[in-house]
C-alpha atoms as a PDB file:
ATOM      1  CA  MET A   1     137.751 105.338 187.925  1.00  0.00           C
ATOM      2  CA  GLY A   2     141.697 106.628 188.233  1.00  0.00           C
ATOM      3  CA  LYS A   3     143.642 108.867 190.291  1.00  0.00           C
ATOM      4  CA  ASN A   4     142.698 112.085 188.003  1.00  0.00           C
ATOM      5  CA  THR A   5     138.836 112.434 188.826  1.00  0.00           C
ATOM      6  CA  PRO A   6     137.640 114.965 186.565  1.00  0.00           C
ATOM      7  CA  ASN A   7     136.391 118.242 187.841  1.00  0.00           C
ATOM      8  CA  THR A   8     134.795 119.495 184.634  1.00  0.00           C
ATOM      9  CA  PRO A   9     130.690 118.604 183.421  1.00  0.00           C
ATOM     10  CA  ILE A  10     132.370 116.452 180.617  1.00  0.00           C
ATOM     11  CA  ALA A  11     132.660 112.742 182.104  1.00  0.00           C
ATOM     12  CA  ILE A  12     131.922 110.198 179.357  1.00  0.00           C
ATOM     13  CA  LYS A  13     131.782 106.735 180.835  1.00  0.00           C
ATOM     14  CA  ASN A  14     132.092 103.331 179.636  1.00  0.00           C
ATOM     15  CA  ARG A  15     129.408 101.507 181.734  1.00  0.00           C
ATOM     16  CA  LYS A  16     129.850  98.149 179.766  1.00  0.00           C
ATOM     17  CA  ALA A  17     133.049  97.907 180.548  1.00  0.00           C
ATOM     18  CA  ASP A  18     132.911  96.826 184.144  1.00  0.00           C
ATOM     19  CA  TYR A  19     130.293  94.838 183.752  1.00  0.00           C
ATOM     20  CA  GLN A  20     132.270  92.843 180.447  1.00  0.00           C
ATOM     21  CA  TYR A  21     135.848  93.248 182.006  1.00  0.00           C
ATOM     22  CA  PHE A  22     137.808  92.486 185.179  1.00  0.00           C
ATOM     23  CA  LEU A  23     139.403  96.265 185.305  1.00  0.00           C
ATOM     24  CA  LEU A  24     143.134  95.776 186.344  1.00  0.00           C
ATOM     25  CA  THR A  25     145.532  98.581 186.373  1.00  0.00           C
ATOM     26  CA  SER A  26     144.291 102.226 184.794  1.00  0.00           C
ATOM     27  CA  TYR A  27     146.123 104.555 182.713  1.00  0.00           C
ATOM     28  CA  THR A  28     145.497 108.164 181.740  1.00  0.00           C
ATOM     29  CA  ALA A  29     146.258 108.872 177.810  1.00  0.00           C
ATOM     30  CA  GLY A  30     146.250 111.952 175.831  1.00  0.00           C
ATOM     31  CA  ILE A  31     144.487 111.887 172.846  1.00  0.00           C
ATOM     32  CA  VAL A  32     145.476 113.168 169.403  1.00  0.00           C
ATOM     33  CA  LEU A  33     142.228 115.389 168.147  1.00  0.00           C
ATOM     34  CA  THR A  34     141.110 118.185 165.707  1.00  0.00           C
ATOM     35  CA  GLY A  35     139.828 120.966 166.285  1.00  0.00           C
ATOM     36  CA  THR A  36     136.124 120.345 165.169  1.00  0.00           C
ATOM     37  CA  GLU A  37     136.461 116.755 167.443  1.00  0.00           C
ATOM     38  CA  ILE A  38     137.603 118.668 170.837  1.00  0.00           C
ATOM     39  CA  LYS A  39     134.459 120.978 170.363  1.00  0.00           C
ATOM     40  CA  SER A  40     132.106 118.114 169.878  1.00  0.00           C
ATOM     41  CA  ILE A  41     133.216 116.604 172.919  1.00  0.00           C
ATOM     42  CA  ARG A  42     133.220 119.605 174.903  1.00  0.00           C
ATOM     43  CA  ALA A  43     129.574 119.502 174.054  1.00  0.00           C
ATOM     44  CA  GLY A  44     128.905 116.063 175.189  1.00  0.00           C
ATOM     45  CA  LYS A  45     128.551 114.294 171.960  1.00  0.00           C
ATOM     46  CA  ALA A  46     131.032 111.251 172.255  1.00  0.00           C
ATOM     47  CA  ASN A  47     130.478 107.747 173.212  1.00  0.00           C
ATOM     48  CA  ILE A  48     133.071 104.966 174.164  1.00  0.00           C
ATOM     49  CA  THR A  49     130.963 102.395 174.569  1.00  0.00           C
ATOM     50  CA  ASP A  50     132.215  99.875 172.056  1.00  0.00           C
ATOM     51  CA  ALA A  51     135.779 101.555 171.832  1.00  0.00           C
ATOM     52  CA  TYR A  52     138.959  99.416 172.193  1.00  0.00           C
ATOM     53  CA  CYS A  53     142.720  99.625 171.899  1.00  0.00           C
ATOM     54  CA  SER A  54     145.595  98.227 170.259  1.00  0.00           C
ATOM     55  CA  PHE A  55     148.910  98.989 169.353  1.00  0.00           C
ATOM     56  CA  ILE A  56     150.174  99.793 165.706  1.00  0.00           C
ATOM     57  CA  ASN A  57     153.846 100.391 164.823  1.00  0.00           C
ATOM     58  CA  ASN A  58     154.624 100.473 168.714  1.00  0.00           C
ATOM     59  CA  GLU A  59     151.584 103.377 169.008  1.00  0.00           C
ATOM     60  CA  LEU A  60     149.021 103.092 170.722  1.00  0.00           C
ATOM     61  CA  TRP A  61     145.907 103.836 168.820  1.00  0.00           C
ATOM     62  CA  VAL A  62     142.283 104.046 170.060  1.00  0.00           C
ATOM     63  CA  HIS A  63     138.994 102.410 167.763  1.00  0.00           C
ATOM     64  CA  ASN A  64     135.473 102.854 167.599  1.00  0.00           C
ATOM     65  CA  MET A  65     135.269 105.930 169.469  1.00  0.00           C
ATOM     66  CA  HIS A  66     132.425 107.644 168.299  1.00  0.00           C
ATOM     67  CA  ILE A  67     132.865 111.167 168.537  1.00  0.00           C
ATOM     68  CA  SER A  68     129.804 113.017 166.188  1.00  0.00           C
ATOM     69  CA  GLU A  69     130.416 115.614 163.668  1.00  0.00           C
ATOM     70  CA  TYR A  70     130.630 118.986 165.447  1.00  0.00           C
ATOM     71  CA  ALA A  71     127.368 120.888 164.180  1.00  0.00           C
ATOM     72  CA  ASP A  72     128.990 123.882 163.174  1.00  0.00           C
ATOM     73  CA  GLY A  73     131.380 122.719 161.261  1.00  0.00           C
ATOM     74  CA  SER A  74     131.774 122.862 157.401  1.00  0.00           C
ATOM     75  CA  TYR A  75     133.968 120.930 155.022  1.00  0.00           C
ATOM     76  CA  ASN A  76     136.199 120.497 157.328  1.00  0.00           C
ATOM     77  CA  ASN A  77     134.710 118.271 159.904  1.00  0.00           C
ATOM     78  CA  HIS A  78     136.106 115.244 160.784  1.00  0.00           C
ATOM     79  CA  GLN A  79     134.967 111.142 160.232  1.00  0.00           C
ATOM     80  CA  PRO A  80     132.959 110.155 163.452  1.00  0.00           C
ATOM     81  CA  LYS A  81     134.226 106.925 164.083  1.00  0.00           C
ATOM     82  CA  ARG A  82     138.223 107.295 162.673  1.00  0.00           C
ATOM     83  CA  ASP A  83     141.268 105.658 164.872  1.00  0.00           C
ATOM     84  CA  ARG A  84     142.836 108.331 167.126  1.00  0.00           C
ATOM     85  CA  LYS A  85     146.672 107.863 168.283  1.00  0.00           C
ATOM     86  CA  LEU A  86     146.888 108.042 172.386  1.00  0.00           C
ATOM     87  CA  LEU A  87     149.639 109.380 174.292  1.00  0.00           C
ATOM     88  CA  LEU A  88     151.393 107.632 176.952  1.00  0.00           C
ATOM     89  CA  ASN A  89     155.288 107.675 178.261  1.00  0.00           C
ATOM     90  CA  ARG A  90     157.491 105.079 177.092  1.00  0.00           C
ATOM     91  CA  LYS A  91     157.596 103.012 180.096  1.00  0.00           C
ATOM     92  CA  GLU A  92     153.609 102.732 180.332  1.00  0.00           C
ATOM     93  CA  LEU A  93     153.486 101.783 176.276  1.00  0.00           C
ATOM     94  CA  ARG A  94     156.311  99.092 177.373  1.00  0.00           C
ATOM     95  CA  LYS A  95     154.049  97.673 180.154  1.00  0.00           C
ATOM     96  CA  LEU A  96     151.354  97.215 178.301  1.00  0.00           C
ATOM     97  CA  THR A  97     152.811  96.172 175.133  1.00  0.00           C
ATOM     98  CA  ILE A  98     153.799  92.976 177.488  1.00  0.00           C
ATOM     99  CA  LYS A  99     150.675  92.653 179.404  1.00  0.00           C
ATOM    100  CA  LEU A 100     149.047  92.314 175.828  1.00  0.00           C
ATOM    101  CA  ASN A 101     150.605  89.688 174.721  1.00  0.00           C
ATOM    102  CA  GLU A 102     149.389  87.352 177.334  1.00  0.00           C
ATOM    103  CA  ARG A 103     146.650  85.690 176.378  1.00  0.00           C
ATOM    104  CA  GLY A 104     143.114  87.495 177.430  1.00  0.00           C
ATOM    105  CA  PHE A 105     144.197  90.681 178.347  1.00  0.00           C
ATOM    106  CA  THR A 106     142.759  93.763 176.320  1.00  0.00           C
ATOM    107  CA  ILE A 107     143.266  97.497 177.049  1.00  0.00           C
ATOM    108  CA  VAL A 108     139.610  99.180 177.162  1.00  0.00           C
ATOM    109  CA  PRO A 109     138.745 103.229 177.814  1.00  0.00           C
ATOM    110  CA  THR A 110     136.398 103.456 180.746  1.00  0.00           C
ATOM    111  CA  LEU A 111     136.742 107.421 181.055  1.00  0.00           C
ATOM    112  CA  LEU A 112     136.193 110.220 178.655  1.00  0.00           C
ATOM    113  CA  TRP A 113     136.827 114.017 180.092  1.00  0.00           C
ATOM    114  CA  ILE A 114     138.890 117.053 179.759  1.00  0.00           C
ATOM    115  CA  ASN A 115     141.175 118.537 182.322  1.00  0.00           C
ATOM    116  CA  GLU A 116     141.734 121.840 183.780  1.00  0.00           C
ATOM    117  CA  ASN A 117     143.981 123.213 180.898  1.00  0.00           C
ATOM    118  CA  GLY A 118     141.106 121.926 178.355  1.00  0.00           C
ATOM    119  CA  TYR A 119     142.935 118.775 177.126  1.00  0.00           C
ATOM    120  CA  ALA A 120     140.645 115.735 176.409  1.00  0.00           C
ATOM    121  CA  LYS A 121     142.195 112.717 178.179  1.00  0.00           C
ATOM    122  CA  LEU A 122     141.165 109.484 178.226  1.00  0.00           C
ATOM    123  CA  ASP A 123     141.253 106.866 181.266  1.00  0.00           C
ATOM    124  CA  ILE A 124     142.243 103.516 180.106  1.00  0.00           C
ATOM    125  CA  SER A 125     142.136  99.995 181.408  1.00  0.00           C
ATOM    126  CA  LEU A 126     144.225  96.455 181.359  1.00  0.00           C
ATOM    127  CA  ALA A 127     141.179  94.339 181.296  1.00  0.00           C
ATOM    128  CA  LYS A 128     140.745  90.558 181.064  1.00  0.00           C
ATOM    129  CA  GLY A 129     137.385  89.471 179.912  1.00  0.00           C
ATOM    130  CA  LYS A 130     134.516  88.042 182.255  1.00  0.00           C
ATOM    131  CA  LYS A 131     133.133  84.544 181.843  1.00  0.00           C
ATOM    132  CA  LEU A 132     129.372  84.351 182.000  1.00  0.00           C
ATOM    133  CA  TYR A 133     129.156  83.374 185.505  1.00  0.00           C
ATOM    134  CA  ASP A 134     131.786  86.280 186.588  1.00  0.00           C
ATOM    135  CA  LYS A 135     128.810  88.663 185.082  1.00  0.00           C
ATOM    136  CA  ARG A 136     126.060  86.652 186.808  1.00  0.00           C
ATOM    137  CA  GLU A 137     127.683  87.424 190.044  1.00  0.00           C
ATOM    138  CA  SER A 138     128.568  91.288 189.303  1.00  0.00           C
ATOM    139  CA  ILE A 139     124.592  91.314 188.457  1.00  0.00           C
ATOM    140  CA  LYS A 140     124.031  89.946 192.143  1.00  0.00           C
ATOM    141  CA  GLU A 141     126.264  92.092 193.566  1.00  0.00           C
ATOM    142  CA  LYS A 142     124.540  95.149 192.020  1.00  0.00           C
ATOM    143  CA  ASP A 143     121.360  94.183 193.457  1.00  0.00           C
ATOM    144  CA  GLU A 144     122.508  93.563 196.921  1.00  0.00           C
ATOM    145  CA  ARG A 145     123.794  97.320 197.013  1.00  0.00           C
ATOM    146  CA  ARG A 146     120.232  98.238 195.496  1.00  0.00           C
ATOM    147  CA  ARG A 147     118.338  96.315 198.048  1.00  0.00           C
ATOM    148  CA  LYS A 148     120.592  97.809 200.975  1.00  0.00           C
ATOM    149  CA  LYS A 149     120.523 101.450 199.457  1.00  0.00           C
ATOM    150  CA  GLU A 150     116.590 100.869 199.736  1.00  0.00           C
ATOM    151  CA  GLU A 151     116.551  99.485 203.365  1.00  0.00           C
ATOM    152  CA  GLU A 152     118.470 102.635 204.386  1.00  0.00           C
END
């Protein structure tokens, strides 16, 4: 995925992203979370399949990322699908803003993981949507890789 491959067992992937988009450049972003959210992620109770990113007031936010409520949480528990702020430096934010203004580009989360310091990180990619015939090509390549593995 990104240049920082996770060493931890918590690695929640977005498998749909590679099928639906051409992934161009990747960035690793921090996420602003509450206490019960990080506990749920450490338990592996998160889903980034339908998530996407957008800019609100020059800040990058991830939408539709589902983090299940923490089982031992009290009335302080979080909302599962709330918007969460992503942390990138200004230079990276500026590059993404310029690219997003072009037609057909979007930002897609590809991997949610926890680094060695215990912080949750989200690998995001600048992506361009695939057409139907591109998706068919992806399926053919996947089938060919499977056939080669079976022959070995």
